[in-house]
N, C-alpha and C. Protein backbone atom coordinates (compact mmCIF):
# COMPACT_ATOMS: atom_id res chain seq x y z
N MET A 1 -20.22 9.41 26.91
CA MET A 1 -18.93 10.05 26.79
C MET A 1 -18.23 9.54 25.54
N ALA A 2 -17.92 10.44 24.64
CA ALA A 2 -17.26 10.07 23.38
C ALA A 2 -15.78 9.81 23.61
N LYS A 3 -15.23 8.86 22.88
CA LYS A 3 -13.81 8.56 22.95
C LYS A 3 -13.23 8.69 21.56
N SER A 4 -12.07 9.29 21.49
CA SER A 4 -11.37 9.44 20.21
C SER A 4 -9.97 8.86 20.33
N PHE A 5 -9.51 8.33 19.23
CA PHE A 5 -8.17 7.77 19.18
C PHE A 5 -7.43 8.34 17.99
N GLU A 6 -6.12 8.45 18.12
CA GLU A 6 -5.28 8.77 16.98
C GLU A 6 -4.55 7.49 16.58
N ILE A 7 -4.25 7.39 15.32
CA ILE A 7 -3.48 6.26 14.82
C ILE A 7 -2.17 6.81 14.27
N ILE A 8 -1.07 6.28 14.78
CA ILE A 8 0.23 6.64 14.25
C ILE A 8 0.88 5.40 13.67
N GLU A 9 1.80 5.58 12.78
CA GLU A 9 2.49 4.46 12.16
C GLU A 9 3.98 4.64 12.39
N ARG A 10 4.62 3.61 12.92
CA ARG A 10 6.05 3.65 13.22
C ARG A 10 6.71 2.35 12.78
N VAL A 11 8.00 2.42 12.53
CA VAL A 11 8.79 1.25 12.16
C VAL A 11 9.76 0.93 13.28
N GLY A 12 9.77 -0.33 13.72
CA GLY A 12 10.70 -0.79 14.75
C GLY A 12 11.72 -1.73 14.15
N LEU A 13 12.89 -1.76 14.75
CA LEU A 13 14.00 -2.59 14.26
C LEU A 13 14.56 -3.45 15.38
N SER A 14 15.08 -4.60 15.01
CA SER A 14 15.77 -5.47 15.95
C SER A 14 16.69 -6.41 15.18
N THR A 15 17.79 -6.78 15.80
CA THR A 15 18.66 -7.80 15.22
C THR A 15 18.39 -9.16 15.84
N VAL A 16 17.37 -9.22 16.72
CA VAL A 16 17.03 -10.46 17.42
C VAL A 16 15.84 -11.17 16.78
N SER A 17 14.69 -10.45 16.65
CA SER A 17 13.48 -11.07 16.12
C SER A 17 12.42 -10.01 15.83
N TYR A 18 11.37 -10.42 15.12
CA TYR A 18 10.22 -9.53 14.90
C TYR A 18 9.57 -9.18 16.23
N SER A 19 9.44 -10.18 17.08
CA SER A 19 8.81 -9.99 18.39
C SER A 19 9.58 -8.94 19.21
N GLU A 20 10.87 -9.01 19.18
CA GLU A 20 11.71 -8.05 19.91
C GLU A 20 11.55 -6.65 19.32
N ALA A 21 11.42 -6.55 18.00
CA ALA A 21 11.21 -5.25 17.36
C ALA A 21 9.89 -4.64 17.82
N ILE A 22 8.85 -5.46 17.94
CA ILE A 22 7.54 -4.98 18.42
C ILE A 22 7.65 -4.51 19.87
N LYS A 23 8.24 -5.34 20.73
CA LYS A 23 8.36 -4.99 22.15
C LYS A 23 9.14 -3.69 22.34
N ASN A 24 10.24 -3.54 21.61
CA ASN A 24 11.06 -2.33 21.73
C ASN A 24 10.29 -1.09 21.29
N LEU A 25 9.57 -1.20 20.19
CA LEU A 25 8.83 -0.07 19.66
C LEU A 25 7.68 0.32 20.59
N ILE A 26 6.94 -0.65 21.09
CA ILE A 26 5.83 -0.37 22.00
C ILE A 26 6.36 0.29 23.28
N ALA A 27 7.45 -0.21 23.81
CA ALA A 27 8.03 0.38 25.03
C ALA A 27 8.44 1.83 24.78
N GLU A 28 9.02 2.11 23.63
CA GLU A 28 9.45 3.46 23.30
C GLU A 28 8.25 4.41 23.15
N ILE A 29 7.24 3.97 22.40
CA ILE A 29 6.06 4.80 22.15
C ILE A 29 5.27 5.02 23.45
N ASN A 30 5.24 4.01 24.30
CA ASN A 30 4.47 4.08 25.54
C ASN A 30 5.01 5.14 26.49
N THR A 31 6.27 5.54 26.34
CA THR A 31 6.83 6.59 27.19
C THR A 31 6.28 7.97 26.80
N GLU A 32 5.85 8.11 25.54
CA GLU A 32 5.30 9.38 25.06
C GLU A 32 3.84 9.54 25.51
N LYS A 33 3.07 8.49 25.29
CA LYS A 33 1.63 8.49 25.57
C LYS A 33 1.20 7.03 25.62
N PRO A 34 0.26 6.66 26.49
CA PRO A 34 -0.13 5.25 26.59
C PRO A 34 -0.65 4.66 25.27
N VAL A 35 -0.21 3.45 24.98
CA VAL A 35 -0.65 2.72 23.79
C VAL A 35 -1.89 1.90 24.19
N TYR A 36 -2.95 2.02 23.40
CA TYR A 36 -4.17 1.26 23.68
C TYR A 36 -4.27 0.01 22.84
N TRP A 37 -3.75 0.05 21.64
CA TRP A 37 -3.74 -1.14 20.79
C TRP A 37 -2.70 -0.95 19.70
N PHE A 38 -2.35 -2.05 19.04
CA PHE A 38 -1.47 -1.96 17.89
C PHE A 38 -1.82 -3.04 16.87
N GLU A 39 -1.46 -2.78 15.64
CA GLU A 39 -1.70 -3.71 14.53
C GLU A 39 -0.40 -3.83 13.74
N VAL A 40 -0.01 -5.05 13.44
CA VAL A 40 1.17 -5.26 12.61
C VAL A 40 0.76 -5.04 11.16
N ALA A 41 1.33 -4.00 10.55
CA ALA A 41 0.99 -3.66 9.17
C ALA A 41 1.93 -4.36 8.18
N GLU A 42 3.20 -4.45 8.53
CA GLU A 42 4.19 -5.08 7.64
C GLU A 42 5.30 -5.73 8.45
N GLN A 43 5.83 -6.81 7.90
CA GLN A 43 7.03 -7.44 8.42
C GLN A 43 8.00 -7.56 7.26
N ARG A 44 9.23 -7.20 7.51
CA ARG A 44 10.24 -7.37 6.48
C ARG A 44 11.59 -7.43 7.16
N GLY A 45 12.61 -7.69 6.40
CA GLY A 45 13.96 -7.74 6.95
C GLY A 45 14.97 -7.38 5.90
N ARG A 46 16.18 -7.27 6.35
CA ARG A 46 17.27 -7.01 5.42
C ARG A 46 18.54 -7.62 5.98
N VAL A 47 19.49 -7.82 5.11
CA VAL A 47 20.80 -8.29 5.51
C VAL A 47 21.74 -7.10 5.42
N THR A 48 22.39 -6.77 6.53
CA THR A 48 23.28 -5.62 6.56
C THR A 48 24.58 -5.94 5.82
N GLN A 49 25.40 -4.92 5.62
CA GLN A 49 26.65 -5.10 4.90
C GLN A 49 27.59 -6.07 5.60
N ASP A 50 27.47 -6.16 6.93
CA ASP A 50 28.33 -7.10 7.66
C ASP A 50 27.68 -8.48 7.83
N GLY A 51 26.55 -8.72 7.13
CA GLY A 51 25.92 -10.03 7.13
C GLY A 51 24.92 -10.28 8.24
N GLN A 52 24.66 -9.29 9.05
CA GLN A 52 23.70 -9.45 10.15
C GLN A 52 22.27 -9.28 9.62
N ILE A 53 21.34 -10.02 10.20
CA ILE A 53 19.94 -9.90 9.81
C ILE A 53 19.28 -8.83 10.67
N GLU A 54 18.53 -7.93 10.03
CA GLU A 54 17.79 -6.90 10.73
C GLU A 54 16.30 -7.13 10.48
N PHE A 55 15.54 -7.29 11.55
CA PHE A 55 14.10 -7.48 11.48
C PHE A 55 13.43 -6.12 11.55
N GLN A 56 12.50 -5.87 10.63
CA GLN A 56 11.80 -4.59 10.58
C GLN A 56 10.30 -4.85 10.66
N ILE A 57 9.63 -4.06 11.47
CA ILE A 57 8.20 -4.22 11.67
C ILE A 57 7.53 -2.85 11.59
N THR A 58 6.44 -2.75 10.83
CA THR A 58 5.66 -1.52 10.79
C THR A 58 4.41 -1.73 11.59
N LEU A 59 4.17 -0.86 12.58
CA LEU A 59 2.98 -0.96 13.42
C LEU A 59 2.09 0.24 13.23
N LYS A 60 0.79 -0.02 13.27
CA LYS A 60 -0.21 1.04 13.41
C LYS A 60 -0.58 1.01 14.89
N ILE A 61 -0.43 2.16 15.53
CA ILE A 61 -0.59 2.25 16.97
C ILE A 61 -1.75 3.17 17.32
N GLY A 62 -2.66 2.71 18.14
CA GLY A 62 -3.79 3.51 18.58
C GLY A 62 -3.55 4.11 19.95
N ARG A 63 -3.72 5.43 20.04
CA ARG A 63 -3.56 6.13 21.32
C ARG A 63 -4.78 7.02 21.54
N LYS A 64 -5.24 7.06 22.78
CA LYS A 64 -6.40 7.88 23.13
C LYS A 64 -6.03 9.36 23.09
N LEU A 65 -6.93 10.16 22.52
CA LEU A 65 -6.72 11.62 22.51
C LEU A 65 -7.20 12.25 23.79
């Protein structure tokens, strides 16, 4: 039995941590279709105009077709 997966790329945000950004994004994507695996493609951050730190994470997400 052949198995196929699609790979999507999404960016998650958090003002708490990179880990929280990953958890939030996975939870959101998992409501659309089950997530089978993910890979952290990029980590970055920015300082907002009010001085708050925003953690940004880019994930490659594998979902079964």
